[in-house]
Protein backbone atom coordinates (compact mmCIF):
# COMPACT_ATOMS: atom_id res chain seq x y z
CA UNK A 1 -36.98 33.50 -21.84
CA UNK A 2 -33.58 32.79 -23.33
CA UNK A 3 -30.53 32.19 -21.21
CA UNK A 4 -27.12 33.04 -22.55
CA UNK A 5 -24.63 30.31 -21.77
CA UNK A 6 -21.05 31.53 -22.09
CA UNK A 7 -18.50 28.82 -22.81
CA UNK A 8 -15.22 29.60 -21.05
CA UNK A 9 -12.03 28.27 -22.60
CA UNK A 10 -9.83 26.97 -19.80
CA UNK A 11 -6.04 26.69 -20.08
CA UNK A 12 -4.47 23.29 -20.81
CA UNK A 13 -3.54 21.18 -17.80
CA UNK A 14 0.25 20.86 -17.45
CA UNK A 15 1.82 17.40 -17.17
CA UNK A 16 2.41 17.42 -13.42
CA UNK A 17 1.57 14.95 -10.67
CA UNK A 18 0.29 17.44 -8.08
CA UNK A 19 -1.27 20.89 -8.25
CA UNK A 20 -1.74 23.42 -5.44
CA UNK A 21 -5.17 24.92 -4.77
CA UNK A 22 -3.98 28.17 -6.37
CA UNK A 23 -2.94 26.39 -9.55
CA UNK A 24 -6.22 24.45 -9.70
CA UNK A 25 -8.11 27.69 -9.15
CA UNK A 26 -6.45 29.20 -12.23
CA UNK A 27 -6.74 26.02 -14.34
CA UNK A 28 -10.45 25.64 -13.60
CA UNK A 29 -11.59 29.25 -13.32
CA UNK A 30 -12.91 28.74 -9.78
CA UNK A 31 -11.92 30.58 -6.59
CA UNK A 32 -10.06 28.57 -3.89
CA UNK A 33 -12.89 28.94 -1.36
CA UNK A 34 -15.28 27.40 -3.90
CA UNK A 35 -12.91 24.43 -4.35
CA UNK A 36 -12.84 23.89 -0.58
CA UNK A 37 -16.65 24.02 -0.49
CA UNK A 38 -16.93 21.53 -3.37
CA UNK A 39 -14.74 19.09 -1.41
CA UNK A 40 -17.50 18.95 1.18
CA UNK A 41 -20.25 18.51 -1.41
CA UNK A 42 -18.63 16.03 -3.83
CA UNK A 43 -17.19 12.93 -2.15
CA UNK A 44 -15.23 12.05 -5.30
CA UNK A 45 -13.09 15.14 -4.75
CA UNK A 46 -10.38 14.25 -2.23
CA UNK A 47 -7.11 16.15 -2.62
CA UNK A 48 -4.08 14.89 -0.72
CA UNK A 49 -3.41 16.98 2.37
CA UNK A 50 0.18 17.42 3.45
CA UNK A 51 1.88 19.42 6.19
CA UNK A 52 0.05 22.53 7.22
CA UNK A 53 -3.14 20.98 5.81
CA UNK A 54 -2.11 22.10 2.31
CA UNK A 55 -4.13 20.57 -0.50
CA UNK A 56 -2.51 18.90 -3.49
CA UNK A 57 -4.77 17.91 -6.37
CA UNK A 58 -3.96 15.21 -8.90
CA UNK A 59 -4.67 15.40 -12.64
CA UNK A 60 -7.90 13.38 -12.42
CA UNK A 61 -9.20 15.73 -9.72
CA UNK A 62 -8.52 18.76 -11.91
CA UNK A 63 -10.56 17.05 -14.65
CA UNK A 64 -13.33 16.31 -12.16
CA UNK A 65 -13.38 19.94 -10.98
CA UNK A 66 -13.68 21.08 -14.59
CA UNK A 67 -16.62 18.70 -15.05
CA UNK A 68 -18.29 19.97 -11.85
CA UNK A 69 -17.73 23.55 -13.00
CA UNK A 70 -19.29 22.75 -16.39
CA UNK A 71 -22.34 21.15 -14.78
CA UNK A 72 -22.90 24.01 -12.33
CA UNK A 73 -21.90 27.09 -14.30
CA UNK A 74 -22.52 26.17 -17.92
CA UNK A 75 -25.35 23.64 -17.79
CA UNK A 76 -27.22 25.19 -14.87
CA UNK A 77 -27.29 22.21 -12.50
CA UNK A 78 -27.73 22.62 -8.76
CA UNK A 79 -25.18 21.05 -6.40
CA UNK A 80 -27.55 18.10 -5.85
CA UNK A 81 -28.22 17.76 -9.57
CA UNK A 82 -24.51 17.83 -10.40
CA UNK A 83 -23.79 15.28 -7.65
CA UNK A 84 -26.52 13.00 -9.00
CA UNK A 85 -25.25 13.40 -12.56
CA UNK A 86 -21.70 12.50 -11.54
CA UNK A 87 -22.95 9.54 -9.47
CA UNK A 88 -25.15 8.21 -12.27
CA UNK A 89 -22.46 8.54 -14.93
CA UNK A 90 -19.68 7.27 -12.68
CA UNK A 91 -21.76 4.46 -11.19
CA UNK A 92 -22.35 2.68 -14.47
CA UNK A 93 -25.86 4.01 -15.22
CA UNK A 94 -24.49 6.44 -17.85
CA UNK A 95 -27.60 8.56 -17.97
CA UNK A 96 -30.02 5.72 -18.63
CA UNK A 97 -33.65 5.55 -17.56
CA UNK A 98 -32.65 4.99 -13.94
CA UNK A 99 -30.49 8.10 -13.65
CA UNK A 100 -31.64 10.22 -10.72
CA UNK A 101 -31.39 13.76 -12.10
CA UNK A 102 -34.07 16.40 -11.67
CA UNK A 103 -36.22 16.80 -14.80
CA UNK A 104 -35.85 20.57 -14.78
CA UNK A 105 -32.09 20.33 -14.93
CA UNK A 106 -32.23 17.75 -17.72
CA UNK A 107 -34.42 20.15 -19.67
CA UNK A 108 -31.90 22.95 -19.17
CA UNK A 109 -29.03 20.70 -20.27
CA UNK A 110 -30.99 19.56 -23.33
CA UNK A 111 -31.54 23.17 -24.42
CA UNK A 112 -27.86 24.06 -24.33
CA UNK A 113 -26.61 23.98 -27.92
CA UNK A 114 -23.48 21.97 -28.58
CA UNK A 115 -21.03 24.16 -30.41
CA UNK A 116 -17.46 23.61 -31.42
CA UNK A 117 -15.03 26.42 -31.96
CA UNK A 118 -11.42 26.51 -32.99
CA UNK A 119 -10.47 27.29 -29.38
CA UNK A 120 -11.93 24.01 -28.07
CA UNK A 121 -10.14 20.75 -28.79
CA UNK A 122 -13.19 18.49 -28.73
CA UNK A 123 -11.21 15.26 -29.03
CA UNK A 124 -8.96 16.21 -26.09
CA UNK A 125 -12.00 17.18 -24.03
CA UNK A 126 -13.61 13.83 -24.87
CA UNK A 127 -10.49 11.96 -23.76
CA UNK A 128 -10.35 13.92 -20.49
CA UNK A 129 -14.02 13.24 -19.76
CA UNK A 130 -13.54 9.53 -20.45
CA UNK A 131 -10.64 9.53 -17.99
CA UNK A 132 -12.89 11.08 -15.35
CA UNK A 133 -15.59 8.47 -16.01
CA UNK A 134 -13.02 5.68 -15.71
CA UNK A 135 -11.74 7.10 -12.43
CA UNK A 136 -15.24 7.39 -11.05
CA UNK A 137 -16.03 3.78 -12.02
CA UNK A 138 -13.28 2.52 -9.72
């Protein structure tokens, strides 16, 4: 059985302080109702709520949402598996022997080939992921 993993190229994140849920939805390729659901499932995701209960996401949260999306949609993790992966990498374990991630999901992630295309700026992606890790460490 071979699974086809389609890598989606997301638009660059503009240099802004706050993003509305609609903007984040477009930047991350995820519907607004999914973002609201993920807020309940991932404690690291806490957008600022202003008048009318409107959500405003900061740059680091957009990066985090992209990471969650990658874990769930591209690497095949469950919500619990993605939560554990974020906790283990953000909590200082960095995927070591003590990381609490289901074996089946690790096997799926290990089978996903790492490819680079002209459309993906790998160095920029690496920098963004390091920013997310730093934010989660604090």
